[in-house]
PDB file of N, CA and C in Angstrom:
ATOM      1  N   MET A   1     -69.896 -67.866 -91.205  1.00  0.00           N
ATOM      2  CA  MET A   1     -71.093 -67.158 -92.338  1.00  0.00           C
ATOM      3  C   MET A   1     -71.927 -67.239 -91.081  1.00  0.00           C
ATOM      4  N   LYS A   2     -72.383 -65.652 -90.151  1.00  0.00           N
ATOM      5  CA  LYS A   2     -73.667 -66.332 -89.783  1.00  0.00           C
ATOM      6  C   LYS A   2     -75.273 -66.069 -89.493  1.00  0.00           C
ATOM      7  N   GLY A   3     -75.790 -67.051 -89.452  1.00  0.00           N
ATOM      8  CA  GLY A   3     -76.665 -67.606 -89.173  1.00  0.00           C
ATOM      9  C   GLY A   3     -77.630 -68.179 -90.378  1.00  0.00           C
ATOM     10  N   ASP A   4     -78.408 -69.297 -90.424  1.00  0.00           N
ATOM     11  CA  ASP A   4     -78.949 -70.151 -90.990  1.00  0.00           C
ATOM     12  C   ASP A   4     -79.133 -70.091 -92.162  1.00  0.00           C
ATOM     13  N   PHE A   5     -77.811 -70.498 -93.201  1.00  0.00           N
ATOM     14  CA  PHE A   5     -77.935 -69.688 -94.673  1.00  0.00           C
ATOM     15  C   PHE A   5     -79.247 -70.708 -95.122  1.00  0.00           C
ATOM     16  N   ASN A   6     -79.482 -71.390 -95.144  1.00  0.00           N
ATOM     17  CA  ASN A   6     -80.769 -72.500 -95.553  1.00  0.00           C
ATOM     18  C   ASN A   6     -82.205 -71.512 -95.275  1.00  0.00           C
ATOM     19  N   LYS A   7     -82.101 -70.930 -93.952  1.00  0.00           N
ATOM     20  CA  LYS A   7     -83.254 -70.671 -93.610  1.00  0.00           C
ATOM     21  C   LYS A   7     -83.199 -68.902 -94.290  1.00  0.00           C
ATOM     22  N   ILE A   8     -81.634 -68.218 -94.685  1.00  0.00           N
ATOM     23  CA  ILE A   8     -81.491 -67.456 -95.052  1.00  0.00           C
ATOM     24  C   ILE A   8     -82.493 -66.530 -97.209  1.00  0.00           C
ATOM     25  N   VAL A   9     -81.830 -68.586 -97.330  1.00  0.00           N
ATOM     26  CA  VAL A   9     -82.389 -67.898 -98.958  1.00  0.00           C
ATOM     27  C   VAL A   9     -84.210 -68.434 -98.851  1.00  0.00           C
ATOM     28  N   ASN A  10     -84.562 -69.372 -97.969  1.00  0.00           N
ATOM     29  CA  ASN A  10     -85.285 -69.223 -97.773  1.00  0.00           C
ATOM     30  C   ASN A  10     -86.663 -68.430 -97.912  1.00  0.00           C
ATOM     31  N   GLU A  11     -86.115 -67.256 -97.434  1.00  0.00           N
ATOM     32  CA  GLU A  11     -86.799 -66.196 -97.262  1.00  0.00           C
ATOM     33  C   GLU A  11     -87.477 -65.286 -97.939  1.00  0.00           C
ATOM     34  N   LYS A  12     -88.530 -64.998 -98.457  1.00  0.00           N
ATOM     35  CA  LYS A  12     -89.263 -64.838 -99.192  1.00  0.00           C
ATOM     36  C   LYS A  12     -88.981 -62.689-100.043  1.00  0.00           C
ATOM     37  N   THR A  13     -88.239 -62.420 -98.945  1.00  0.00           N
ATOM     38  CA  THR A  13     -87.464 -61.307 -99.993  1.00  0.00           C
ATOM     39  C   THR A  13     -86.254 -62.054-100.425  1.00  0.00           C
ATOM     40  N   PRO A  14     -85.996 -61.582-101.756  1.00  0.00           N
ATOM     41  CA  PRO A  14     -84.634 -62.137-102.376  1.00  0.00           C
ATOM     42  C   PRO A  14     -83.399 -62.203-102.227  1.00  0.00           C
ATOM     43  N   VAL A  15     -82.203 -63.293-102.103  1.00  0.00           N
ATOM     44  CA  VAL A  15     -81.324 -62.512-101.675  1.00  0.00           C
ATOM     45  C   VAL A  15     -79.795 -63.450-102.387  1.00  0.00           C
ATOM     46  N   LEU A  16     -79.014 -62.102-102.853  1.00  0.00           N
ATOM     47  CA  LEU A  16     -77.855 -61.661-103.903  1.00  0.00           C
ATOM     48  C   LEU A  16     -76.873 -62.243-102.468  1.00  0.00           C
ATOM     49  N   ILE A  17     -76.392 -63.118-103.195  1.00  0.00           N
ATOM     50  CA  ILE A  17     -75.488 -64.136-102.252  1.00  0.00           C
ATOM     51  C   ILE A  17     -73.376 -63.131-103.483  1.00  0.00           C
ATOM     52  N   ASP A  18     -72.564 -62.992-102.931  1.00  0.00           N
ATOM     53  CA  ASP A  18     -71.947 -62.419-103.678  1.00  0.00           C
ATOM     54  C   ASP A  18     -70.420 -63.899-102.798  1.00  0.00           C
ATOM     55  N   PHE A  19     -70.079 -65.015-103.365  1.00  0.00           N
ATOM     56  CA  PHE A  19     -69.316 -65.966-103.379  1.00  0.00           C
ATOM     57  C   PHE A  19     -67.869 -65.061-103.892  1.00  0.00           C
ATOM     58  N   PHE A  20     -67.066 -65.036-102.709  1.00  0.00           N
ATOM     59  CA  PHE A  20     -65.651 -64.332-102.869  1.00  0.00           C
ATOM     60  C   PHE A  20     -64.484 -64.557-102.166  1.00  0.00           C
ATOM     61  N   ALA A  21     -63.615 -64.266-102.695  1.00  0.00           N
ATOM     62  CA  ALA A  21     -62.389 -64.796-100.975  1.00  0.00           C
ATOM     63  C   ALA A  21     -61.720 -63.564-101.294  1.00  0.00           C
ATOM     64  N   GLU A  22     -60.498 -63.296 -99.951  1.00  0.00           N
ATOM     65  CA  GLU A  22     -59.486 -62.019 -99.446  1.00  0.00           C
ATOM     66  C   GLU A  22     -58.478 -62.141-100.860  1.00  0.00           C
ATOM     67  N   TRP A  23     -58.348 -63.262-101.069  1.00  0.00           N
ATOM     68  CA  TRP A  23     -56.625 -62.937-102.060  1.00  0.00           C
ATOM     69  C   TRP A  23     -56.764 -63.029-103.639  1.00  0.00           C
ATOM     70  N   CYS A  24     -58.425 -62.109-103.659  1.00  0.00           N
ATOM     71  CA  CYS A  24     -59.197 -62.502-104.877  1.00  0.00           C
ATOM     72  C   CYS A  24     -59.090 -61.027-105.375  1.00  0.00           C
ATOM     73  N   GLY A  25     -58.045 -60.904-106.838  1.00  0.00           N
ATOM     74  CA  GLY A  25     -58.234 -59.563-107.132  1.00  0.00           C
ATOM     75  C   GLY A  25     -59.248 -58.709-107.647  1.00  0.00           C
ATOM     76  N   PRO A  26     -60.423 -59.649-108.835  1.00  0.00           N
ATOM     77  CA  PRO A  26     -62.178 -59.179-109.082  1.00  0.00           C
ATOM     78  C   PRO A  26     -62.674 -58.629-107.994  1.00  0.00           C
ATOM     79  N   CYS A  27     -62.423 -60.179-106.351  1.00  0.00           N
ATOM     80  CA  CYS A  27     -63.299 -59.772-105.688  1.00  0.00           C
ATOM     81  C   CYS A  27     -63.407 -58.634-104.711  1.00  0.00           C
ATOM     82  N   LYS A  28     -61.834 -57.943-105.026  1.00  0.00           N
ATOM     83  CA  LYS A  28     -62.259 -56.531-104.840  1.00  0.00           C
ATOM     84  C   LYS A  28     -62.686 -55.325-105.285  1.00  0.00           C
ATOM     85  N   ALA A  29     -62.059 -55.322-107.046  1.00  0.00           N
ATOM     86  CA  ALA A  29     -63.194 -54.546-107.856  1.00  0.00           C
ATOM     87  C   ALA A  29     -64.746 -55.073-107.449  1.00  0.00           C
ATOM     88  N   GLN A  30     -65.153 -56.060-106.998  1.00  0.00           N
ATOM     89  CA  GLN A  30     -66.316 -56.144-106.615  1.00  0.00           C
ATOM     90  C   GLN A  30     -67.430 -55.677-106.066  1.00  0.00           C
ATOM     91  N   SER A  31     -66.070 -55.953-105.340  1.00  0.00           N
ATOM     92  CA  SER A  31     -66.801 -54.762-103.411  1.00  0.00           C
ATOM     93  C   SER A  31     -67.647 -54.102-102.685  1.00  0.00           C
ATOM     94  N   PRO A  32     -66.980 -52.678-103.829  1.00  0.00           N
ATOM     95  CA  PRO A  32     -67.636 -51.489-103.721  1.00  0.00           C
ATOM     96  C   PRO A  32     -68.734 -51.690-104.237  1.00  0.00           C
ATOM     97  N   ILE A  33     -68.782 -52.268-105.204  1.00  0.00           N
ATOM     98  CA  ILE A  33     -70.173 -52.350-106.460  1.00  0.00           C
ATOM     99  C   ILE A  33     -71.739 -52.968-105.790  1.00  0.00           C
ATOM    100  N   ILE A  34     -70.660 -54.133-104.700  1.00  0.00           N
ATOM    101  CA  ILE A  34     -71.706 -54.758-103.506  1.00  0.00           C
ATOM    102  C   ILE A  34     -72.345 -54.000-102.874  1.00  0.00           C
ATOM    103  N   LYS A  35     -70.982 -53.062-102.214  1.00  0.00           N
ATOM    104  CA  LYS A  35     -71.914 -51.942-101.208  1.00  0.00           C
ATOM    105  C   LYS A  35     -72.611 -51.127-101.905  1.00  0.00           C
ATOM    106  N   GLU A  36     -73.003 -50.450-102.747  1.00  0.00           N
ATOM    107  CA  GLU A  36     -72.942 -49.452-103.311  1.00  0.00           C
ATOM    108  C   GLU A  36     -74.717 -50.215-103.420  1.00  0.00           C
ATOM    109  N   LEU A  37     -74.538 -50.876-104.104  1.00  0.00           N
ATOM    110  CA  LEU A  37     -76.203 -51.714-104.479  1.00  0.00           C
ATOM    111  C   LEU A  37     -76.697 -52.078-102.707  1.00  0.00           C
ATOM    112  N   ALA A  38     -75.922 -52.819-102.102  1.00  0.00           N
ATOM    113  CA  ALA A  38     -76.833 -53.835-100.986  1.00  0.00           C
ATOM    114  C   ALA A  38     -77.518 -52.079-100.351  1.00  0.00           C
ATOM    115  N   GLU A  39     -77.022 -50.949-100.776  1.00  0.00           N
ATOM    116  CA  GLU A  39     -77.802 -49.993-100.020  1.00  0.00           C
ATOM    117  C   GLU A  39     -78.594 -48.897-100.865  1.00  0.00           C
ATOM    118  N   GLU A  40     -78.891 -49.754-102.023  1.00  0.00           N
ATOM    119  CA  GLU A  40     -79.577 -49.165-103.312  1.00  0.00           C
ATOM    120  C   GLU A  40     -80.752 -50.252-102.804  1.00  0.00           C
ATOM    121  N   VAL A  41     -80.461 -51.058-102.735  1.00  0.00           N
ATOM    122  CA  VAL A  41     -81.814 -52.097-102.765  1.00  0.00           C
ATOM    123  C   VAL A  41     -81.478 -52.804-101.043  1.00  0.00           C
ATOM    124  N   ASP A  42     -81.636 -52.288-100.040  1.00  0.00           N
ATOM    125  CA  ASP A  42     -82.551 -52.378 -98.999  1.00  0.00           C
ATOM    126  C   ASP A  42     -83.780 -52.277 -98.887  1.00  0.00           C
ATOM    127  N   GLY A  43     -83.870 -53.285 -97.827  1.00  0.00           N
ATOM    128  CA  GLY A  43     -85.527 -53.964 -98.025  1.00  0.00           C
ATOM    129  C   GLY A  43     -86.163 -54.529 -98.800  1.00  0.00           C
ATOM    130  N   LYS A  44     -85.176 -54.437-100.275  1.00  0.00           N
ATOM    131  CA  LYS A  44     -86.092 -55.508-101.510  1.00  0.00           C
ATOM    132  C   LYS A  44     -85.564 -56.526-101.200  1.00  0.00           C
ATOM    133  N   VAL A  45     -84.226 -56.214-101.758  1.00  0.00           N
ATOM    134  CA  VAL A  45     -82.975 -57.802-101.641  1.00  0.00           C
ATOM    135  C   VAL A  45     -82.352 -57.622-100.339  1.00  0.00           C
ATOM    136  N   ARG A  46     -81.925 -58.852 -99.932  1.00  0.00           N
ATOM    137  CA  ARG A  46     -80.851 -58.394 -98.989  1.00  0.00           C
ATOM    138  C   ARG A  46     -79.139 -59.415 -99.528  1.00  0.00           C
ATOM    139  N   VAL A  47     -78.580 -58.491 -99.381  1.00  0.00           N
ATOM    140  CA  VAL A  47     -77.141 -58.692-100.200  1.00  0.00           C
ATOM    141  C   VAL A  47     -75.923 -59.606 -99.037  1.00  0.00           C
ATOM    142  N   ILE A  48     -75.859 -60.461 -99.194  1.00  0.00           N
ATOM    143  CA  ILE A  48     -74.711 -61.194 -98.129  1.00  0.00           C
ATOM    144  C   ILE A  48     -73.532 -61.595 -99.132  1.00  0.00           C
ATOM    145  N   LYS A  49     -72.040 -61.236 -98.360  1.00  0.00           N
ATOM    146  CA  LYS A  49     -71.113 -61.734 -98.998  1.00  0.00           C
ATOM    147  C   LYS A  49     -70.837 -63.165 -98.013  1.00  0.00           C
ATOM    148  N   ILE A  50     -69.947 -64.225 -99.137  1.00  0.00           N
ATOM    149  CA  ILE A  50     -69.760 -65.279 -98.120  1.00  0.00           C
ATOM    150  C   ILE A  50     -68.189 -65.580 -98.265  1.00  0.00           C
ATOM    151  N   ASP A  51     -67.427 -65.197 -97.657  1.00  0.00           N
ATOM    152  CA  ASP A  51     -66.406 -65.817 -97.866  1.00  0.00           C
ATOM    153  C   ASP A  51     -65.585 -67.358 -98.180  1.00  0.00           C
ATOM    154  N   ILE A  52     -64.985 -68.225 -99.259  1.00  0.00           N
ATOM    155  CA  ILE A  52     -65.217 -69.351-100.555  1.00  0.00           C
ATOM    156  C   ILE A  52     -64.137 -69.855 -98.520  1.00  0.00           C
ATOM    157  N   ASP A  53     -63.850 -69.204 -98.795  1.00  0.00           N
ATOM    158  CA  ASP A  53     -61.959 -69.963 -97.712  1.00  0.00           C
ATOM    159  C   ASP A  53     -62.697 -70.533 -96.323  1.00  0.00           C
ATOM    160  N   LYS A  54     -63.707 -69.192 -95.810  1.00  0.00           N
ATOM    161  CA  LYS A  54     -64.134 -69.690 -94.068  1.00  0.00           C
ATOM    162  C   LYS A  54     -65.637 -70.222 -94.856  1.00  0.00           C
ATOM    163  N   ASN A  55     -65.486 -70.386 -95.643  1.00  0.00           N
ATOM    164  CA  ASN A  55     -67.599 -71.387 -95.463  1.00  0.00           C
ATOM    165  C   ASN A  55     -67.574 -72.034 -96.792  1.00  0.00           C
ATOM    166  N   GLN A  56     -66.352 -73.157 -96.910  1.00  0.00           N
ATOM    167  CA  GLN A  56     -65.727 -74.033 -97.752  1.00  0.00           C
ATOM    168  C   GLN A  56     -67.606 -74.981 -98.215  1.00  0.00           C
ATOM    169  N   ALA A  57     -67.447 -75.486 -97.745  1.00  0.00           N
ATOM    170  CA  ALA A  57     -69.075 -76.696 -97.144  1.00  0.00           C
ATOM    171  C   ALA A  57     -69.770 -75.890 -98.488  1.00  0.00           C
ATOM    172  N   VAL A  58     -70.529 -74.227 -97.989  1.00  0.00           N
ATOM    173  CA  VAL A  58     -71.927 -73.647 -98.134  1.00  0.00           C
ATOM    174  C   VAL A  58     -70.915 -73.732-100.292  1.00  0.00           C
ATOM    175  N   ALA A  59     -69.942 -73.196-100.852  1.00  0.00           N
ATOM    176  CA  ALA A  59     -69.334 -73.063-101.620  1.00  0.00           C
ATOM    177  C   ALA A  59     -69.286 -74.518-103.049  1.00  0.00           C
ATOM    178  N   GLN A  60     -69.094 -75.061-101.653  1.00  0.00           N
ATOM    179  CA  GLN A  60     -68.956 -76.615-102.291  1.00  0.00           C
ATOM    180  C   GLN A  60     -70.314 -77.351-102.876  1.00  0.00           C
ATOM    181  N   ARG A  61     -71.188 -77.163-101.688  1.00  0.00           N
ATOM    182  CA  ARG A  61     -72.969 -77.392-102.290  1.00  0.00           C
ATOM    183  C   ARG A  61     -73.432 -76.442-103.555  1.00  0.00           C
ATOM    184  N   TYR A  62     -72.545 -75.425-103.857  1.00  0.00           N
ATOM    185  CA  TYR A  62     -72.887 -74.417-104.989  1.00  0.00           C
ATOM    186  C   TYR A  62     -71.644 -74.849-106.019  1.00  0.00           C
ATOM    187  N   ASN A  63     -71.047 -75.381-105.928  1.00  0.00           N
ATOM    188  CA  ASN A  63     -70.438 -75.841-107.102  1.00  0.00           C
ATOM    189  C   ASN A  63     -69.507 -74.641-107.460  1.00  0.00           C
ATOM    190  N   VAL A  64     -69.372 -73.258-106.704  1.00  0.00           N
ATOM    191  CA  VAL A  64     -68.541 -72.224-107.003  1.00  0.00           C
ATOM    192  C   VAL A  64     -67.185 -72.614-107.024  1.00  0.00           C
ATOM    193  N   LYS A  65     -66.675 -72.680-108.344  1.00  0.00           N
ATOM    194  CA  LYS A  65     -65.341 -72.734-108.766  1.00  0.00           C
ATOM    195  C   LYS A  65     -64.486 -72.196-108.816  1.00  0.00           C
ATOM    196  N   GLY A  66     -64.949 -70.241-109.502  1.00  0.00           N
ATOM    197  CA  GLY A  66     -64.112 -69.689-109.463  1.00  0.00           C
ATOM    198  C   GLY A  66     -64.646 -68.229-108.980  1.00  0.00           C
ATOM    199  N   VAL A  67     -63.824 -66.967-108.595  1.00  0.00           N
ATOM    200  CA  VAL A  67     -65.027 -66.501-107.985  1.00  0.00           C
ATOM    201  C   VAL A  67     -64.144 -64.397-108.223  1.00  0.00           C
ATOM    202  N   PRO A  68     -65.204 -63.926-107.707  1.00  0.00           N
ATOM    203  CA  PRO A  68     -66.243 -63.717-107.534  1.00  0.00           C
ATOM    204  C   PRO A  68     -67.396 -64.342-108.691  1.00  0.00           C
ATOM    205  N   THR A  69     -68.440 -65.193-107.792  1.00  0.00           N
ATOM    206  CA  THR A  69     -69.825 -65.550-108.328  1.00  0.00           C
ATOM    207  C   THR A  69     -70.728 -65.389-107.531  1.00  0.00           C
ATOM    208  N   LEU A  70     -72.023 -64.600-108.468  1.00  0.00           N
ATOM    209  CA  LEU A  70     -72.642 -63.766-108.084  1.00  0.00           C
ATOM    210  C   LEU A  70     -73.891 -64.992-107.807  1.00  0.00           C
ATOM    211  N   VAL A  71     -75.144 -65.154-107.427  1.00  0.00           N
ATOM    212  CA  VAL A  71     -76.082 -65.365-106.736  1.00  0.00           C
ATOM    213  C   VAL A  71     -77.093 -65.221-106.288  1.00  0.00           C
ATOM    214  N   LEU A  72     -78.304 -65.571-106.903  1.00  0.00           N
ATOM    215  CA  LEU A  72     -79.271 -64.828-106.952  1.00  0.00           C
ATOM    216  C   LEU A  72     -80.788 -65.853-106.028  1.00  0.00           C
ATOM    217  N   PHE A  73     -80.819 -66.062-105.218  1.00  0.00           N
ATOM    218  CA  PHE A  73     -81.582 -66.658-104.526  1.00  0.00           C
ATOM    219  C   PHE A  73     -83.541 -66.162-104.028  1.00  0.00           C
ATOM    220  N   LYS A  74     -84.685 -66.788-104.920  1.00  0.00           N
ATOM    221  CA  LYS A  74     -85.720 -66.269-104.444  1.00  0.00           C
ATOM    222  C   LYS A  74     -86.082 -67.490-104.212  1.00  0.00           C
ATOM    223  N   GLU A  75     -86.741 -67.198-102.636  1.00  0.00           N
ATOM    224  CA  GLU A  75     -87.740 -68.961-102.192  1.00  0.00           C
ATOM    225  C   GLU A  75     -87.224 -70.128-102.405  1.00  0.00           C
ATOM    226  N   GLY A  76     -85.686 -69.836-101.260  1.00  0.00           N
ATOM    227  CA  GLY A  76     -85.046 -70.852-101.582  1.00  0.00           C
ATOM    228  C   GLY A  76     -84.438 -71.392-103.452  1.00  0.00           C
ATOM    229  N   LYS A  77     -84.507 -70.684-104.408  1.00  0.00           N
ATOM    230  CA  LYS A  77     -84.641 -71.475-105.655  1.00  0.00           C
ATOM    231  C   LYS A  77     -83.542 -70.323-105.859  1.00  0.00           C
ATOM    232  N   ILE A  78     -82.568 -70.826-106.900  1.00  0.00           N
ATOM    233  CA  ILE A  78     -81.489 -69.792-107.949  1.00  0.00           C
ATOM    234  C   ILE A  78     -82.379 -69.312-109.118  1.00  0.00           C
ATOM    235  N   VAL A  79     -82.044 -68.072-108.711  1.00  0.00           N
ATOM    236  CA  VAL A  79     -83.319 -67.631-109.971  1.00  0.00           C
ATOM    237  C   VAL A  79     -81.469 -66.133-111.029  1.00  0.00           C
ATOM    238  N   TRP A  80     -80.486 -66.272-110.925  1.00  0.00           N
ATOM    239  CA  TRP A  80     -80.159 -66.287-111.850  1.00  0.00           C
ATOM    240  C   TRP A  80     -78.381 -65.971-110.842  1.00  0.00           C
ATOM    241  N   ARG A  81     -77.458 -66.820-111.787  1.00  0.00           N
ATOM    242  CA  ARG A  81     -76.498 -66.960-111.505  1.00  0.00           C
ATOM    243  C   ARG A  81     -75.124 -66.755-112.653  1.00  0.00           C
ATOM    244  N   GLN A  82     -73.778 -65.574-112.260  1.00  0.00           N
ATOM    245  CA  GLN A  82     -73.208 -65.661-112.682  1.00  0.00           C
ATOM    246  C   GLN A  82     -71.808 -65.862-112.072  1.00  0.00           C
ATOM    247  N   SER A  83     -70.874 -66.258-112.617  1.00  0.00           N
ATOM    248  CA  SER A  83     -69.043 -65.568-112.782  1.00  0.00           C
ATOM    249  C   SER A  83     -68.329 -64.056-113.407  1.00  0.00           C
ATOM    250  N   GLY A  84     -67.243 -63.398-112.204  1.00  0.00           N
ATOM    251  CA  GLY A  84     -67.209 -62.326-113.202  1.00  0.00           C
ATOM    252  C   GLY A  84     -67.261 -60.837-112.449  1.00  0.00           C
ATOM    253  N   VAL A  85     -66.498 -60.460-112.690  1.00  0.00           N
ATOM    254  CA  VAL A  85     -66.773 -58.621-112.042  1.00  0.00           C
ATOM    255  C   VAL A  85     -68.144 -58.745-112.883  1.00  0.00           C
ATOM    256  N   GLN A  86     -69.352 -57.191-111.349  1.00  0.00           N
ATOM    257  CA  GLN A  86     -70.485 -57.448-112.774  1.00  0.00           C
ATOM    258  C   GLN A  86     -71.116 -55.869-112.520  1.00  0.00           C
ATOM    259  N   SER A  87     -70.990 -54.766-113.568  1.00  0.00           N
ATOM    260  CA  SER A  87     -71.074 -53.792-113.264  1.00  0.00           C
ATOM    261  C   SER A  87     -72.697 -53.506-111.667  1.00  0.00           C
ATOM    262  N   LYS A  88     -72.943 -52.567-111.306  1.00  0.00           N
ATOM    263  CA  LYS A  88     -74.026 -52.357-110.765  1.00  0.00           C
ATOM    264  C   LYS A  88     -75.256 -52.484-112.096  1.00  0.00           C
ATOM    265  N   LEU A  89     -75.287 -51.828-112.569  1.00  0.00           N
ATOM    266  CA  LEU A  89     -76.866 -51.775-113.878  1.00  0.00           C
ATOM    267  C   LEU A  89     -76.787 -52.851-114.310  1.00  0.00           C
ATOM    268  N   GLN A  90     -75.460 -53.936-113.995  1.00  0.00           N
ATOM    269  CA  GLN A  90     -76.597 -55.452-114.760  1.00  0.00           C
ATOM    270  C   GLN A  90     -76.741 -56.225-113.525  1.00  0.00           C
ATOM    271  N   LEU A  91     -76.260 -55.939-112.110  1.00  0.00           N
ATOM    272  CA  LEU A  91     -76.837 -56.520-111.194  1.00  0.00           C
ATOM    273  C   LEU A  91     -78.345 -56.181-111.091  1.00  0.00           C
ATOM    274  N   MET A  92     -78.630 -54.561-111.250  1.00  0.00           N
ATOM    275  CA  MET A  92     -79.682 -54.019-110.672  1.00  0.00           C
ATOM    276  C   MET A  92     -81.231 -54.622-111.929  1.00  0.00           C
ATOM    277  N   ASP A  93     -80.403 -54.366-113.191  1.00  0.00           N
ATOM    278  CA  ASP A  93     -81.010 -55.011-113.994  1.00  0.00           C
ATOM    279  C   ASP A  93     -81.725 -56.593-113.631  1.00  0.00           C
ATOM    280  N   VAL A  94     -80.885 -57.104-113.038  1.00  0.00           N
ATOM    281  CA  VAL A  94     -81.424 -58.829-112.959  1.00  0.00           C
ATOM    282  C   VAL A  94     -81.993 -59.182-111.423  1.00  0.00           C
ATOM    283  N   ILE A  95     -81.735 -58.160-110.317  1.00  0.00           N
ATOM    284  CA  ILE A  95     -82.633 -57.683-109.369  1.00  0.00           C
ATOM    285  C   ILE A  95     -84.304 -57.569-109.643  1.00  0.00           C
ATOM    286  N   LYS A  96     -84.622 -56.401-110.544  1.00  0.00           N
ATOM    287  CA  LYS A  96     -86.156 -55.546-111.281  1.00  0.00           C
ATOM    288  C   LYS A  96     -86.692 -57.144-112.039  1.00  0.00           C
ATOM    289  N   GLN A  97     -85.804 -57.941-112.265  1.00  0.00           N
ATOM    290  CA  GLN A  97     -85.928 -58.986-113.354  1.00  0.00           C
ATOM    291  C   GLN A  97     -87.205 -59.744-112.227  1.00  0.00           C
ATOM    292  N   HIS A  98     -86.250 -60.249-110.901  1.00  0.00           N
ATOM    293  CA  HIS A  98     -86.831 -61.456-110.181  1.00  0.00           C
ATOM    294  C   HIS A  98     -87.400 -60.894-109.226  1.00  0.00           C
ATOM    295  N   THR A  99     -87.229 -59.203-108.795  1.00  0.00           N
ATOM    296  CA  THR A  99     -88.563 -58.805-107.416  1.00  0.00           C
ATOM    297  C   THR A  99     -89.710 -57.969-107.792  1.00  0.00           C
TER     298      THR A  99
END
């Protein structure tokens, strides 16, 4: 993972993290949704993808057991978390509630 994770999630801008794995089928389905979402919320929410195999310490710290797991941080606190594929509409609703 590039950058300092703690610094990123503690910023004023909310951060949506997509914990994924290269081998995960549902993650591959989630990926284009996340990409499209990131373009639409650019500036309002920072969207980051974290490969759990390459960043095991972060995945363990947040108890990520299944992928994809999406976590929304706001000023360092987890305000929403969900495992499994989420639609863009579901994610936009969550972002609207927390921005």
